[in-house]
């Protein structure tokens, strides 16, 4: 299973120069419900068209979302092996939650700090 970070989803949505390979979308993808919030806030903040919002929703619909429930949020309050930002803590806690369920997690991110933290926690980084 590939854990999809918001940086990769936004790069795909906005057609940025650095974007994920097409094969990524054939994989089993999971993320925190936080990804949905981050994506829609970005679309709305930029005042993009309704079509952009629909494209974001379509992308989100292809991802298994983990809700921000108590075990995930409780883990986000714990210590991490490196310093992390608040939203990264929630993403990392979600990854940890999925791993605790016995899932083999590979992380797709363009965020250097998140990648370093995921690596320090023993997660494999996807070749992006």
C-alpha atoms as a PDB file:
ATOM      1  CA  UNK A   1       0.000   0.000   0.000  1.00  0.00           C
ATOM      2  CA  UNK A   2       1.242   3.465  -0.825  1.00  0.00           C
ATOM      3  CA  UNK A   3       0.579   6.293   1.586  1.00  0.00           C
ATOM      4  CA  UNK A   4      -0.057   9.384  -0.523  1.00  0.00           C
ATOM      5  CA  UNK A   5       1.104  12.683   0.918  1.00  0.00           C
ATOM      6  CA  UNK A   6      -0.641  15.913  -0.024  1.00  0.00           C
ATOM      7  CA  UNK A   7       2.462  17.210  -1.828  1.00  0.00           C
ATOM      8  CA  UNK A   8       2.155  14.446  -4.427  1.00  0.00           C
ATOM      9  CA  UNK A   9      -1.611  14.787  -4.794  1.00  0.00           C
ATOM     10  CA  UNK A  10      -1.356  18.549  -5.327  1.00  0.00           C
ATOM     11  CA  UNK A  11       1.481  18.129  -7.830  1.00  0.00           C
ATOM     12  CA  UNK A  12      -0.732  15.773  -9.830  1.00  0.00           C
ATOM     13  CA  UNK A  13      -3.789  18.008  -9.545  1.00  0.00           C
ATOM     14  CA  UNK A  14      -1.980  21.159 -10.631  1.00  0.00           C
ATOM     15  CA  UNK A  15       0.159  19.475 -13.303  1.00  0.00           C
ATOM     16  CA  UNK A  16       3.375  20.685 -11.733  1.00  0.00           C
ATOM     17  CA  UNK A  17       6.706  19.966 -13.384  1.00  0.00           C
ATOM     18  CA  UNK A  18       7.502  17.356 -10.740  1.00  0.00           C
ATOM     19  CA  UNK A  19       4.536  15.021 -10.624  1.00  0.00           C
ATOM     20  CA  UNK A  20       3.986  11.354  -9.908  1.00  0.00           C
ATOM     21  CA  UNK A  21       4.288   8.684 -12.576  1.00  0.00           C
ATOM     22  CA  UNK A  22       1.022   7.506 -14.129  1.00  0.00           C
ATOM     23  CA  UNK A  23       1.613   4.033 -12.689  1.00  0.00           C
ATOM     24  CA  UNK A  24       1.108   5.409  -9.165  1.00  0.00           C
ATOM     25  CA  UNK A  25      -2.637   5.695  -9.729  1.00  0.00           C
ATOM     26  CA  UNK A  26      -2.833   1.943 -10.409  1.00  0.00           C
ATOM     27  CA  UNK A  27      -1.540   1.179  -6.897  1.00  0.00           C
ATOM     28  CA  UNK A  28      -3.578   0.804  -3.721  1.00  0.00           C
ATOM     29  CA  UNK A  29      -3.423   4.300  -2.228  1.00  0.00           C
ATOM     30  CA  UNK A  30      -4.245   5.441   1.284  1.00  0.00           C
ATOM     31  CA  UNK A  31      -3.963   8.713   3.135  1.00  0.00           C
ATOM     32  CA  UNK A  32      -5.241  10.666   6.084  1.00  0.00           C
ATOM     33  CA  UNK A  33      -8.515  12.524   5.775  1.00  0.00           C
ATOM     34  CA  UNK A  34      -6.166  15.472   6.282  1.00  0.00           C
ATOM     35  CA  UNK A  35      -5.174  15.156   2.602  1.00  0.00           C
ATOM     36  CA  UNK A  36      -8.741  15.928   1.562  1.00  0.00           C
ATOM     37  CA  UNK A  37      -8.827  18.992   3.802  1.00  0.00           C
ATOM     38  CA  UNK A  38      -5.448  20.258   2.597  1.00  0.00           C
ATOM     39  CA  UNK A  39      -6.361  19.782  -1.063  1.00  0.00           C
ATOM     40  CA  UNK A  40      -9.760  21.439  -0.901  1.00  0.00           C
ATOM     41  CA  UNK A  41      -8.458  24.333   1.182  1.00  0.00           C
ATOM     42  CA  UNK A  42      -5.766  24.927  -1.462  1.00  0.00           C
ATOM     43  CA  UNK A  43      -8.278  24.767  -4.335  1.00  0.00           C
ATOM     44  CA  UNK A  44     -10.619  27.166  -2.522  1.00  0.00           C
ATOM     45  CA  UNK A  45      -7.833  29.530  -1.407  1.00  0.00           C
ATOM     46  CA  UNK A  46      -6.633  29.877  -4.979  1.00  0.00           C
ATOM     47  CA  UNK A  47     -10.171  30.650  -6.122  1.00  0.00           C
ATOM     48  CA  UNK A  48     -10.033  27.938  -8.749  1.00  0.00           C
ATOM     49  CA  UNK A  49     -12.963  26.927 -10.904  1.00  0.00           C
ATOM     50  CA  UNK A  50     -15.592  24.396  -9.984  1.00  0.00           C
ATOM     51  CA  UNK A  51     -13.909  22.046 -12.474  1.00  0.00           C
ATOM     52  CA  UNK A  52     -10.706  22.127 -10.385  1.00  0.00           C
ATOM     53  CA  UNK A  53     -12.723  21.237  -7.304  1.00  0.00           C
ATOM     54  CA  UNK A  54     -14.315  18.352  -9.168  1.00  0.00           C
ATOM     55  CA  UNK A  55     -10.897  17.160 -10.342  1.00  0.00           C
ATOM     56  CA  UNK A  56      -9.671  17.262  -6.742  1.00  0.00           C
ATOM     57  CA  UNK A  57     -12.712  15.283  -5.579  1.00  0.00           C
ATOM     58  CA  UNK A  58     -12.133  12.700  -8.335  1.00  0.00           C
ATOM     59  CA  UNK A  59      -8.530  12.257  -7.223  1.00  0.00           C
ATOM     60  CA  UNK A  60      -9.589  11.990  -3.564  1.00  0.00           C
ATOM     61  CA  UNK A  61     -12.231   9.382  -4.415  1.00  0.00           C
ATOM     62  CA  UNK A  62      -9.468   7.025  -5.593  1.00  0.00           C
ATOM     63  CA  UNK A  63      -7.744   7.055  -2.206  1.00  0.00           C
ATOM     64  CA  UNK A  64      -8.671   5.020   0.876  1.00  0.00           C
ATOM     65  CA  UNK A  65      -9.045   7.642   3.598  1.00  0.00           C
ATOM     66  CA  UNK A  66      -8.204   7.101   7.244  1.00  0.00           C
ATOM     67  CA  UNK A  67     -10.346   9.289   9.443  1.00  0.00           C
ATOM     68  CA  UNK A  68      -8.868  11.551  12.078  1.00  0.00           C
ATOM     69  CA  UNK A  69     -10.038   9.345  14.925  1.00  0.00           C
ATOM     70  CA  UNK A  70      -8.693   9.121  18.452  1.00  0.00           C
ATOM     71  CA  UNK A  71      -5.900   6.501  17.957  1.00  0.00           C
ATOM     72  CA  UNK A  72      -4.399   8.493  15.086  1.00  0.00           C
ATOM     73  CA  UNK A  73      -4.633  11.812  16.892  1.00  0.00           C
ATOM     74  CA  UNK A  74      -3.276  10.283  20.111  1.00  0.00           C
ATOM     75  CA  UNK A  75      -0.229   8.991  18.205  1.00  0.00           C
ATOM     76  CA  UNK A  76       0.295  12.452  16.705  1.00  0.00           C
ATOM     77  CA  UNK A  77       0.777  13.733  20.262  1.00  0.00           C
ATOM     78  CA  UNK A  78       3.644  11.316  20.943  1.00  0.00           C
ATOM     79  CA  UNK A  79       7.331  11.851  20.309  1.00  0.00           C
ATOM     80  CA  UNK A  80       8.737  11.313  16.823  1.00  0.00           C
ATOM     81  CA  UNK A  81      12.364  10.413  16.050  1.00  0.00           C
ATOM     82  CA  UNK A  82      12.892  13.839  14.440  1.00  0.00           C
ATOM     83  CA  UNK A  83      11.218  17.212  14.826  1.00  0.00           C
ATOM     84  CA  UNK A  84       7.989  17.394  12.858  1.00  0.00           C
ATOM     85  CA  UNK A  85       5.400  20.002  11.998  1.00  0.00           C
ATOM     86  CA  UNK A  86       1.794  19.604  13.150  1.00  0.00           C
ATOM     87  CA  UNK A  87       0.294  18.370   9.878  1.00  0.00           C
ATOM     88  CA  UNK A  88       3.260  16.067   9.274  1.00  0.00           C
ATOM     89  CA  UNK A  89       2.675  14.568  12.723  1.00  0.00           C
ATOM     90  CA  UNK A  90      -0.872  13.697  11.686  1.00  0.00           C
ATOM     91  CA  UNK A  91       0.300  12.143   8.409  1.00  0.00           C
ATOM     92  CA  UNK A  92       3.021  10.166  10.226  1.00  0.00           C
ATOM     93  CA  UNK A  93       0.578   9.046  12.899  1.00  0.00           C
ATOM     94  CA  UNK A  94      -1.773   7.825  10.172  1.00  0.00           C
ATOM     95  CA  UNK A  95       1.058   5.867   8.543  1.00  0.00           C
ATOM     96  CA  UNK A  96       1.935   4.368  11.914  1.00  0.00           C
ATOM     97  CA  UNK A  97      -1.725   3.442  12.475  1.00  0.00           C
ATOM     98  CA  UNK A  98      -1.869   1.636   9.121  1.00  0.00           C
ATOM     99  CA  UNK A  99       1.389  -0.181   9.862  1.00  0.00           C
ATOM    100  CA  UNK A 100      -0.019  -1.279  13.237  1.00  0.00           C
ATOM    101  CA  UNK A 101      -2.899  -2.857  11.290  1.00  0.00           C
ATOM    102  CA  UNK A 102      -0.321  -5.101   9.603  1.00  0.00           C
ATOM    103  CA  UNK A 103      -0.109  -3.194   6.337  1.00  0.00           C
ATOM    104  CA  UNK A 104       3.189  -2.720   4.512  1.00  0.00           C
ATOM    105  CA  UNK A 105       3.365   1.018   3.861  1.00  0.00           C
ATOM    106  CA  UNK A 106       5.435   2.811   1.255  1.00  0.00           C
ATOM    107  CA  UNK A 107       5.370   6.628   1.378  1.00  0.00           C
ATOM    108  CA  UNK A 108       4.912   8.851  -1.675  1.00  0.00           C
ATOM    109  CA  UNK A 109       5.939  12.421  -0.842  1.00  0.00           C
ATOM    110  CA  UNK A 110       7.779  15.385  -2.314  1.00  0.00           C
ATOM    111  CA  UNK A 111       8.118  16.972   1.119  1.00  0.00           C
ATOM    112  CA  UNK A 112      11.735  16.586   2.246  1.00  0.00           C
ATOM    113  CA  UNK A 113      10.963  16.962   5.949  1.00  0.00           C
ATOM    114  CA  UNK A 114       8.152  14.425   5.844  1.00  0.00           C
ATOM    115  CA  UNK A 115      10.363  12.030   3.867  1.00  0.00           C
ATOM    116  CA  UNK A 116      13.138  12.329   6.459  1.00  0.00           C
ATOM    117  CA  UNK A 117      10.707  11.689   9.313  1.00  0.00           C
ATOM    118  CA  UNK A 118       9.099   8.725   7.528  1.00  0.00           C
ATOM    119  CA  UNK A 119      12.527   7.265   6.827  1.00  0.00           C
ATOM    120  CA  UNK A 120      13.536   7.729  10.481  1.00  0.00           C
ATOM    121  CA  UNK A 121      10.403   5.783  11.448  1.00  0.00           C
ATOM    122  CA  UNK A 122      11.385   2.907   9.166  1.00  0.00           C
ATOM    123  CA  UNK A 123       8.988   3.548   6.284  1.00  0.00           C
ATOM    124  CA  UNK A 124      10.102   2.812   2.758  1.00  0.00           C
ATOM    125  CA  UNK A 125       9.982   5.831   0.450  1.00  0.00           C
ATOM    126  CA  UNK A 126       8.384   5.411  -2.960  1.00  0.00           C
ATOM    127  CA  UNK A 127      10.585   6.164  -5.941  1.00  0.00           C
ATOM    128  CA  UNK A 128       9.039   9.424  -7.123  1.00  0.00           C
END
